């Protein structure tokens, strides 16, 4: 027997009932609602170029197990692209996509959301043996499947490999040395490129939002660091739009134009590694790493993990001496949630967070998200730009002995504030 999803009164409810999903573990995503207390963990799927691509998420213990694609996806290639994009969220989950409505069946494709390769199988949701085991199979063995793997670790490994490659080539091409001052400069350059890529992927940096810069970039955001003139214009725009103290570079009285020109005097290829970040290529114009990364979906806290890895990779002894430790995001998230759960009822929205060894702010970033969530629960609406700034400035405090860690902590909190903003345009209103 087959049923027609097309004729069901509520097609989504029909699908959820067929697979045995518990309604209170389902998060519905409606872009017109904006970010809310119910859907804030999926803010990246509410806003941006992929808004509306996922209509609901089935969770377990607050983490996604199954994304349900919107109706209207017409090709396997579209499904595969969406599964790969969702893998950037660093969650071990599946994507369910109903076959085109014109087929008038209850058949669907189930995809592994994977950065390495997206694989699918066809199931018939009208067959109880297919439908009722989807969630059970995911809960019982998906994480342990060696062909699928643990996606948070896969995402981290891919990003770490990519950043190490950029940092090494940047030093080689620009003449920067393996000392603390130069490595702080390397992190500043990479941090600015990552921030620009984040803004580009999220649609915040565009022709409409930055027409003068866009003209200098010849209409291509990927050219943000393609030349000394374009890199200087990009950094000036970032300073003017956000904050001149963000990821500082050692200008020593120079203009940005003169600074980037001095890097290129060592080698004409000095800025090429920053271009890989923006244009999703490597030194040979190939795309083995960066093209799989989409910063409109990558969790902000992952950048904290990348810093900690970079510190250990560059100088294990110094990292050990400075107690630089890596905390996986899912563990940090659990700890933050448990800390808030222990607060007196009604007090969570006013809580203040202190991290005396903040590192790159993985805990503070997650705490910021939870404070915004608690504000929404207490006030019945999601915090606006001004209220998010109030939380950031008045309820979060971090300290660290490492300047590089503090720079990346600022990046983490900047990106979190932008990600949580229901109305991030125009970008000048986001100035910190």
Protein backbone atom coordinates (compact mmCIF):
# COMPACT_ATOMS: atom_id res chain seq x y z
CA UNK A 1 0.00 0.00 0.00
CA UNK A 2 1.17 3.54 -0.74
CA UNK A 3 -0.29 6.84 0.39
CA UNK A 4 -0.27 10.23 -1.27
CA UNK A 5 1.68 12.73 0.80
CA UNK A 6 0.42 15.39 -1.59
CA UNK A 7 -3.18 14.92 -0.50
CA UNK A 8 -2.53 14.71 3.23
CA UNK A 9 -3.99 17.57 5.28
CA UNK A 10 -0.58 18.31 6.75
CA UNK A 11 2.17 16.54 4.76
CA UNK A 12 4.81 17.20 7.42
CA UNK A 13 2.66 15.71 10.19
CA UNK A 14 2.01 12.70 7.99
CA UNK A 15 5.74 12.13 7.52
CA UNK A 16 6.43 12.59 11.25
CA UNK A 17 3.68 10.11 12.14
CA UNK A 18 4.93 7.56 9.64
CA UNK A 19 8.46 7.54 11.06
CA UNK A 20 7.22 7.54 14.66
CA UNK A 21 8.68 10.91 15.64
CA UNK A 22 7.58 12.28 19.02
CA UNK A 23 6.05 15.73 18.46
CA UNK A 24 7.76 17.39 21.42
CA UNK A 25 11.11 16.42 19.94
CA UNK A 26 10.34 18.09 16.62
CA UNK A 27 11.53 21.63 15.87
CA UNK A 28 9.62 23.25 13.01
CA UNK A 29 11.51 25.83 10.99
CA UNK A 30 9.49 28.63 9.41
CA UNK A 31 11.69 31.48 8.07
CA UNK A 32 8.82 33.95 8.50
CA UNK A 33 8.95 33.37 12.28
CA UNK A 34 12.59 34.47 12.48
CA UNK A 35 14.81 33.23 15.29
CA UNK A 36 12.80 32.17 18.36
CA UNK A 37 13.37 30.41 21.67
CA UNK A 38 12.17 27.20 20.03
CA UNK A 39 14.36 27.24 16.91
CA UNK A 40 17.45 29.30 17.88
CA UNK A 41 19.79 26.31 17.60
CA UNK A 42 18.95 26.31 13.88
CA UNK A 43 19.33 30.03 13.23
CA UNK A 44 21.56 29.23 10.24
CA UNK A 45 18.63 27.39 8.62
CA UNK A 46 16.23 30.27 9.33
CA UNK A 47 18.32 32.99 7.67
CA UNK A 48 20.54 33.30 4.61
CA UNK A 49 20.58 31.75 1.17
CA UNK A 50 19.40 28.34 2.40
CA UNK A 51 16.47 29.68 4.42
CA UNK A 52 13.50 27.35 4.13
CA UNK A 53 15.51 24.40 2.77
CA UNK A 54 14.71 22.40 5.93
CA UNK A 55 11.17 22.47 7.28
CA UNK A 56 11.66 20.49 10.48
CA UNK A 57 14.25 18.75 12.65
CA UNK A 58 13.73 15.66 14.79
CA UNK A 59 15.95 15.82 17.89
CA UNK A 60 17.28 13.55 20.57
CA UNK A 61 18.64 15.12 23.78
CA UNK A 62 18.66 18.53 22.13
CA UNK A 63 20.73 17.44 19.11
CA UNK A 64 19.44 16.82 15.58
CA UNK A 65 18.87 13.26 14.42
CA UNK A 66 16.88 13.91 11.25
CA UNK A 67 16.46 16.96 9.02
CA UNK A 68 13.29 16.95 6.90
CA UNK A 69 13.75 18.82 3.63
CA UNK A 70 11.14 21.21 2.30
CA UNK A 71 8.82 19.90 -0.36
CA UNK A 72 9.70 20.89 -3.87
CA UNK A 73 13.25 19.57 -4.17
CA UNK A 74 13.26 18.24 -7.70
CA UNK A 75 16.57 16.44 -8.20
CA UNK A 76 19.01 14.09 -6.51
CA UNK A 77 21.74 16.69 -7.04
CA UNK A 78 19.77 19.23 -4.97
CA UNK A 79 19.33 16.67 -2.22
CA UNK A 80 23.02 15.77 -2.25
CA UNK A 81 24.02 19.43 -2.06
CA UNK A 82 21.70 20.02 0.89
CA UNK A 83 23.04 16.94 2.73
CA UNK A 84 26.60 18.21 2.26
CA UNK A 85 25.66 21.71 3.44
CA UNK A 86 24.01 20.29 6.56
CA UNK A 87 27.19 18.32 7.32
CA UNK A 88 28.85 21.71 7.90
CA UNK A 89 26.76 21.97 11.07
CA UNK A 90 28.97 19.26 12.60
CA UNK A 91 26.09 17.07 13.74
CA UNK A 92 25.74 13.33 13.09
CA UNK A 93 22.34 13.29 11.40
CA UNK A 94 20.34 12.23 8.37
CA UNK A 95 18.35 14.16 5.77
CA UNK A 96 14.93 12.92 4.68
CA UNK A 97 13.65 14.21 1.34
CA UNK A 98 10.32 13.12 -0.07
CA UNK A 99 10.39 12.21 -3.72
CA UNK A 100 8.70 14.79 -6.00
CA UNK A 101 5.02 15.20 -5.20
CA UNK A 102 4.13 14.37 -8.77
CA UNK A 103 5.05 10.76 -8.02
CA UNK A 104 2.05 10.60 -5.64
CA UNK A 105 3.83 8.15 -3.37
CA UNK A 106 5.20 7.98 0.14
CA UNK A 107 8.71 7.23 -1.04
CA UNK A 108 11.65 9.22 0.20
CA UNK A 109 15.41 9.46 -0.01
CA UNK A 110 17.44 9.19 3.21
CA UNK A 111 20.86 10.84 3.06
CA UNK A 112 23.82 10.69 5.42
CA UNK A 113 24.85 14.31 6.04
CA UNK A 114 28.55 13.89 5.38
CA UNK A 115 31.46 16.15 4.47
CA UNK A 116 33.28 13.24 2.87
CA UNK A 117 30.59 11.81 0.67
CA UNK A 118 26.84 12.02 0.71
CA UNK A 119 25.16 8.63 0.29
CA UNK A 120 21.46 7.90 0.07
CA UNK A 121 18.94 5.10 0.01
CA UNK A 122 15.32 5.03 -1.05
CA UNK A 123 12.66 4.07 1.48
CA UNK A 124 8.89 3.75 1.38
CA UNK A 125 7.41 5.42 4.45
CA UNK A 126 4.18 3.48 3.97
CA UNK A 127 6.14 0.32 4.75
CA UNK A 128 6.30 0.06 8.56
CA UNK A 129 9.59 -1.84 8.38
CA UNK A 130 11.12 1.12 6.52
CA UNK A 131 9.45 3.96 8.36
CA UNK A 132 9.52 2.90 12.01
CA UNK A 133 13.18 1.87 11.95
CA UNK A 134 14.55 5.16 10.62
CA UNK A 135 14.84 6.84 14.02
CA UNK A 136 15.75 3.57 15.72
CA UNK A 137 18.59 2.91 13.30
CA UNK A 138 19.91 6.42 13.79
CA UNK A 139 19.83 6.22 17.57
CA UNK A 140 21.23 2.73 17.66
CA UNK A 141 24.19 2.67 15.33
CA UNK A 142 24.73 5.67 13.09
CA UNK A 143 27.55 7.20 15.11
CA UNK A 144 29.49 3.97 15.16
CA UNK A 145 29.21 3.36 11.40
CA UNK A 146 32.81 3.66 10.12
CA UNK A 147 31.58 4.59 6.64
CA UNK A 148 29.67 7.55 8.08
CA UNK A 149 31.54 8.60 11.18
CA UNK A 150 31.31 11.27 13.81
CA UNK A 151 30.67 14.49 11.89
CA UNK A 152 31.77 16.96 14.57
CA UNK A 153 35.23 15.40 14.45
CA UNK A 154 35.20 15.24 10.64
CA UNK A 155 34.35 18.95 10.44
CA UNK A 156 37.04 19.87 12.94
CA UNK A 157 39.66 17.76 11.13
CA UNK A 158 38.80 19.30 7.77
CA UNK A 159 38.93 22.85 9.12
CA UNK A 160 42.15 22.19 11.04
CA UNK A 161 43.83 20.73 7.95
CA UNK A 162 42.70 23.69 5.86
CA UNK A 163 43.92 26.31 8.37
CA UNK A 164 47.26 24.56 8.87
CA UNK A 165 47.75 24.56 5.12
CA UNK A 166 46.96 28.27 4.87
CA UNK A 167 49.16 29.20 7.86
CA UNK A 168 52.16 27.25 6.56
CA UNK A 169 51.93 28.70 3.06
CA UNK A 170 51.31 32.19 4.43
CA UNK A 171 54.56 32.04 6.44
CA UNK A 172 56.50 30.61 3.51
CA UNK A 173 55.21 33.15 0.99
CA UNK A 174 55.33 36.28 3.15
CA UNK A 175 58.52 35.71 5.12
CA UNK A 176 56.77 35.60 8.49
CA UNK A 177 58.72 33.59 11.07
CA UNK A 178 57.89 30.96 13.66
CA UNK A 179 57.93 33.34 16.63
CA UNK A 180 55.15 34.56 18.87
CA UNK A 181 54.82 38.01 17.26
CA UNK A 182 54.71 36.73 13.70
CA UNK A 183 52.36 33.87 14.56
CA UNK A 184 49.99 36.37 16.18
CA UNK A 185 50.11 38.25 12.88
CA UNK A 186 49.38 35.03 10.95
CA UNK A 187 46.33 34.37 13.12
CA UNK A 188 45.20 37.97 12.60
CA UNK A 189 45.39 37.59 8.82
CA UNK A 190 43.63 34.21 8.83
CA UNK A 191 41.01 35.51 11.28
CA UNK A 192 40.18 38.45 9.03
CA UNK A 193 39.87 36.19 5.99
CA UNK A 194 37.64 33.77 7.92
CA UNK A 195 35.48 36.66 9.13
CA UNK A 196 35.12 37.99 5.58
CA UNK A 197 34.24 34.49 4.33
CA UNK A 198 31.64 34.16 7.12
CA UNK A 199 30.06 37.48 6.10
CA UNK A 200 30.14 36.52 2.43
CA UNK A 201 28.58 33.09 2.98
CA UNK A 202 25.87 34.62 5.19
CA UNK A 203 25.00 37.28 2.63
CA UNK A 204 26.05 40.12 4.96
CA UNK A 205 28.91 41.18 2.66
CA UNK A 206 27.37 41.82 -0.74
CA UNK A 207 27.00 44.41 -3.50
CA UNK A 208 23.95 45.82 -1.72
CA UNK A 209 25.60 46.13 1.70
CA UNK A 210 29.05 47.31 0.56
CA UNK A 211 28.77 48.87 -2.93
CA UNK A 212 32.07 50.79 -2.80
CA UNK A 213 34.05 47.74 -1.62
CA UNK A 214 32.23 45.52 -4.11
CA UNK A 215 33.38 47.80 -6.92
CA UNK A 216 37.03 47.48 -5.76
CA UNK A 217 36.58 43.70 -5.67
CA UNK A 218 35.40 43.83 -9.31
CA UNK A 219 32.01 42.43 -8.32
CA UNK A 220 33.45 39.26 -6.77
CA UNK A 221 33.50 38.82 -2.99
CA UNK A 222 36.01 35.99 -3.38
CA UNK A 223 38.58 38.62 -4.45
CA UNK A 224 38.63 40.18 -0.96
CA UNK A 225 42.34 39.33 -0.51
CA UNK A 226 43.36 38.81 -4.14
CA UNK A 227 45.69 41.86 -4.24
CA UNK A 228 47.20 44.32 -1.79
CA UNK A 229 44.69 46.99 -2.89
CA UNK A 230 41.71 44.65 -2.46
CA UNK A 231 42.98 43.27 0.87
CA UNK A 232 43.49 46.84 2.15
CA UNK A 233 39.97 47.86 1.07
CA UNK A 234 38.49 44.75 2.72
CA UNK A 235 40.28 45.42 6.03
CA UNK A 236 39.32 49.10 5.98
CA UNK A 237 35.69 48.11 5.42
CA UNK A 238 35.84 45.58 8.27
CA UNK A 239 37.32 48.22 10.60
CA UNK A 240 34.80 50.88 9.61
CA UNK A 241 31.82 48.53 9.72
CA UNK A 242 32.66 46.59 12.88
CA UNK A 243 35.60 47.49 15.10
CA UNK A 244 39.17 48.57 14.35
CA UNK A 245 40.49 46.56 17.29
CA UNK A 246 39.15 43.31 15.85
CA UNK A 247 41.95 40.86 14.94
CA UNK A 248 44.57 43.67 14.87
CA UNK A 249 47.47 43.62 12.42
CA UNK A 250 50.89 45.21 13.17
CA UNK A 251 50.59 48.22 10.88
CA UNK A 252 53.25 50.20 12.80
CA UNK A 253 52.04 53.47 11.35
CA UNK A 254 51.54 52.10 7.83
CA UNK A 255 48.34 52.21 5.85
CA UNK A 256 46.74 48.86 5.01
CA UNK A 257 47.82 49.40 1.40
CA UNK A 258 51.46 49.77 2.44
CA UNK A 259 51.22 46.85 4.88
CA UNK A 260 49.90 44.36 2.33
CA UNK A 261 52.28 45.69 -0.34
CA UNK A 262 55.18 45.00 2.05
CA UNK A 263 54.04 41.37 2.41
CA UNK A 264 53.97 41.02 -1.36
CA UNK A 265 57.50 42.40 -1.73
CA UNK A 266 58.73 39.12 -0.28
CA UNK A 267 56.67 37.16 -2.80
CA UNK A 268 53.94 38.06 -5.27
CA UNK A 269 52.11 34.97 -3.96
CA UNK A 270 52.12 36.23 -0.34
CA UNK A 271 48.36 36.77 -0.19
CA UNK A 272 47.38 33.68 -2.19
CA UNK A 273 46.67 31.52 0.92
CA UNK A 274 44.11 34.07 2.14
CA UNK A 275 42.54 33.88 -1.31
CA UNK A 276 42.10 30.12 -0.88
CA UNK A 277 39.83 30.81 2.09
CA UNK A 278 37.73 33.23 0.06
CA UNK A 279 37.61 31.41 -3.27
CA UNK A 280 37.51 27.83 -1.93
CA UNK A 281 40.64 26.73 -3.79
CA UNK A 282 44.18 25.63 -2.99
CA UNK A 283 47.56 26.59 -4.46
CA UNK A 284 46.82 24.69 -7.66
CA UNK A 285 43.34 26.11 -8.17
CA UNK A 286 41.84 22.82 -7.00
CA UNK A 287 39.15 22.56 -4.33
CA UNK A 288 39.97 19.56 -2.12
CA UNK A 289 39.23 21.25 1.21
CA UNK A 290 37.70 24.72 1.27
CA UNK A 291 34.89 24.05 -1.20
CA UNK A 292 33.30 21.65 1.28
CA UNK A 293 33.18 24.33 3.98
CA UNK A 294 30.21 26.69 4.11
CA UNK A 295 30.51 29.27 6.88
CA UNK A 296 26.81 30.02 6.83
CA UNK A 297 26.40 26.70 8.67
CA UNK A 298 29.70 25.95 10.46
CA UNK A 299 29.24 26.37 14.25
CA UNK A 300 31.11 29.42 15.47
CA UNK A 301 32.65 27.44 18.34
CA UNK A 302 34.50 25.23 15.87
CA UNK A 303 36.92 28.13 15.28
CA UNK A 304 37.85 27.93 18.97
CA UNK A 305 38.80 24.30 18.50
CA UNK A 306 40.91 25.21 15.47
CA UNK A 307 42.87 27.75 17.52
CA UNK A 308 43.56 25.23 20.25
CA UNK A 309 44.78 22.71 17.69
CA UNK A 310 46.98 25.33 16.03
CA UNK A 311 48.57 26.23 19.37
CA UNK A 312 49.40 22.58 20.11
CA UNK A 313 50.59 21.92 16.55
CA UNK A 314 52.93 24.91 16.49
CA UNK A 315 54.39 24.57 19.99
CA UNK A 316 53.24 21.59 22.09
CA UNK A 317 55.49 22.59 24.99
CA UNK A 318 54.17 26.16 25.17
CA UNK A 319 50.59 24.97 24.78
CA UNK A 320 51.07 22.56 27.67
CA UNK A 321 52.75 25.23 29.78
CA UNK A 322 49.88 27.66 29.12
CA UNK A 323 47.26 24.92 29.74
CA UNK A 324 45.74 25.18 26.26
CA UNK A 325 43.18 22.38 26.19
CA UNK A 326 40.66 21.35 23.57
CA UNK A 327 37.02 20.87 24.69
CA UNK A 328 34.74 19.28 22.06
CA UNK A 329 31.77 21.51 21.32
CA UNK A 330 29.14 18.90 22.26
CA UNK A 331 30.73 18.48 25.70
CA UNK A 332 30.97 22.25 26.20
CA UNK A 333 27.33 22.60 25.13
CA UNK A 334 26.22 19.95 27.63
CA UNK A 335 28.15 21.68 30.45
CA UNK A 336 26.64 25.08 29.63
CA UNK A 337 23.11 23.64 29.52
CA UNK A 338 23.64 21.86 32.84
CA UNK A 339 24.96 25.04 34.45
CA UNK A 340 21.84 26.97 33.40
CA UNK A 341 19.58 24.12 34.48
CA UNK A 342 20.95 24.50 38.02
CA UNK A 343 19.92 28.15 38.35
CA UNK A 344 16.86 29.25 40.28
CA UNK A 345 13.72 29.48 38.17
CA UNK A 346 13.35 32.92 36.62
CA UNK A 347 16.95 33.96 37.20
CA UNK A 348 18.67 32.49 34.13
CA UNK A 349 18.04 35.48 31.84
CA UNK A 350 19.98 37.73 34.23
CA UNK A 351 22.87 35.32 34.82
CA UNK A 352 26.43 36.54 34.35
CA UNK A 353 29.12 34.25 32.97
CA UNK A 354 32.82 34.38 33.83
CA UNK A 355 35.46 32.20 32.19
CA UNK A 356 38.85 32.95 33.80
CA UNK A 357 40.66 30.77 31.23
CA UNK A 358 38.53 31.58 28.20
CA UNK A 359 40.82 30.35 25.45
CA UNK A 360 39.04 31.03 22.16
CA UNK A 361 35.67 31.31 23.97
CA UNK A 362 33.98 28.02 23.16
CA UNK A 363 32.18 28.17 26.55
CA UNK A 364 31.43 31.91 26.37
CA UNK A 365 30.07 31.58 22.83
CA UNK A 366 27.70 28.81 23.87
CA UNK A 367 26.82 30.74 27.02
CA UNK A 368 25.97 33.77 24.90
CA UNK A 369 23.55 31.64 22.87
CA UNK A 370 21.91 30.31 26.01
CA UNK A 371 21.56 33.78 27.54
CA UNK A 372 19.78 34.94 24.37
CA UNK A 373 17.54 31.87 24.65
CA UNK A 374 16.75 32.64 28.29
CA UNK A 375 16.00 36.28 27.41
CA UNK A 376 13.45 35.07 24.84
CA UNK A 377 11.83 32.73 27.37
CA UNK A 378 11.60 35.52 29.94
CA UNK A 379 10.37 38.29 27.62
CA UNK A 380 8.38 36.36 25.04
CA UNK A 381 10.43 37.64 22.10
CA UNK A 382 13.89 37.15 20.66
CA UNK A 383 16.43 39.87 21.65
CA UNK A 384 17.10 42.54 19.02
CA UNK A 385 20.51 43.94 18.08
CA UNK A 386 20.65 46.36 21.01
CA UNK A 387 19.58 43.69 23.51
CA UNK A 388 22.12 41.20 22.15
CA UNK A 389 24.83 43.84 22.64
CA UNK A 390 23.61 44.36 26.19
CA UNK A 391 24.03 40.64 26.90
CA UNK A 392 27.47 40.60 25.27
CA UNK A 393 28.79 43.65 27.13
CA UNK A 394 27.05 43.17 30.48
CA UNK A 395 26.76 39.44 31.11
CA UNK A 396 29.88 37.83 29.62
CA UNK A 397 33.42 38.15 30.91
CA UNK A 398 36.48 36.23 29.75
CA UNK A 399 40.18 36.31 30.63
CA UNK A 400 43.25 34.61 29.23
CA UNK A 401 47.02 35.00 29.37
CA UNK A 402 47.38 34.40 25.61
CA UNK A 403 46.77 37.40 23.27
CA UNK A 404 46.09 35.10 20.29
CA UNK A 405 43.40 33.31 22.29
CA UNK A 406 41.77 36.62 23.20
CA UNK A 407 41.75 37.72 19.55
CA UNK A 408 39.99 34.53 18.54
CA UNK A 409 37.65 34.80 21.53
CA UNK A 410 36.61 38.20 20.16
CA UNK A 411 36.03 36.59 16.76
CA UNK A 412 33.89 33.85 18.34
CA UNK A 413 31.72 36.36 20.19
CA UNK A 414 31.47 38.70 17.17
CA UNK A 415 30.26 35.89 14.96
CA UNK A 416 27.84 34.60 17.60
CA UNK A 417 26.28 38.05 17.97
CA UNK A 418 25.80 38.29 14.20
CA UNK A 419 24.47 34.74 13.94
CA UNK A 420 21.86 35.38 16.64
CA UNK A 421 20.64 38.66 15.12
CA UNK A 422 17.24 38.38 13.44
CA UNK A 423 17.98 41.47 11.36
CA UNK A 424 21.74 41.69 10.64
CA UNK A 425 21.45 44.21 7.78
CA UNK A 426 22.71 46.76 7.11
CA UNK A 427 26.07 45.60 8.51
CA UNK A 428 26.89 49.02 10.02
CA UNK A 429 24.21 48.45 12.64
CA UNK A 430 26.33 45.51 13.84
CA UNK A 431 29.27 47.72 14.84
CA UNK A 432 30.82 46.65 18.14
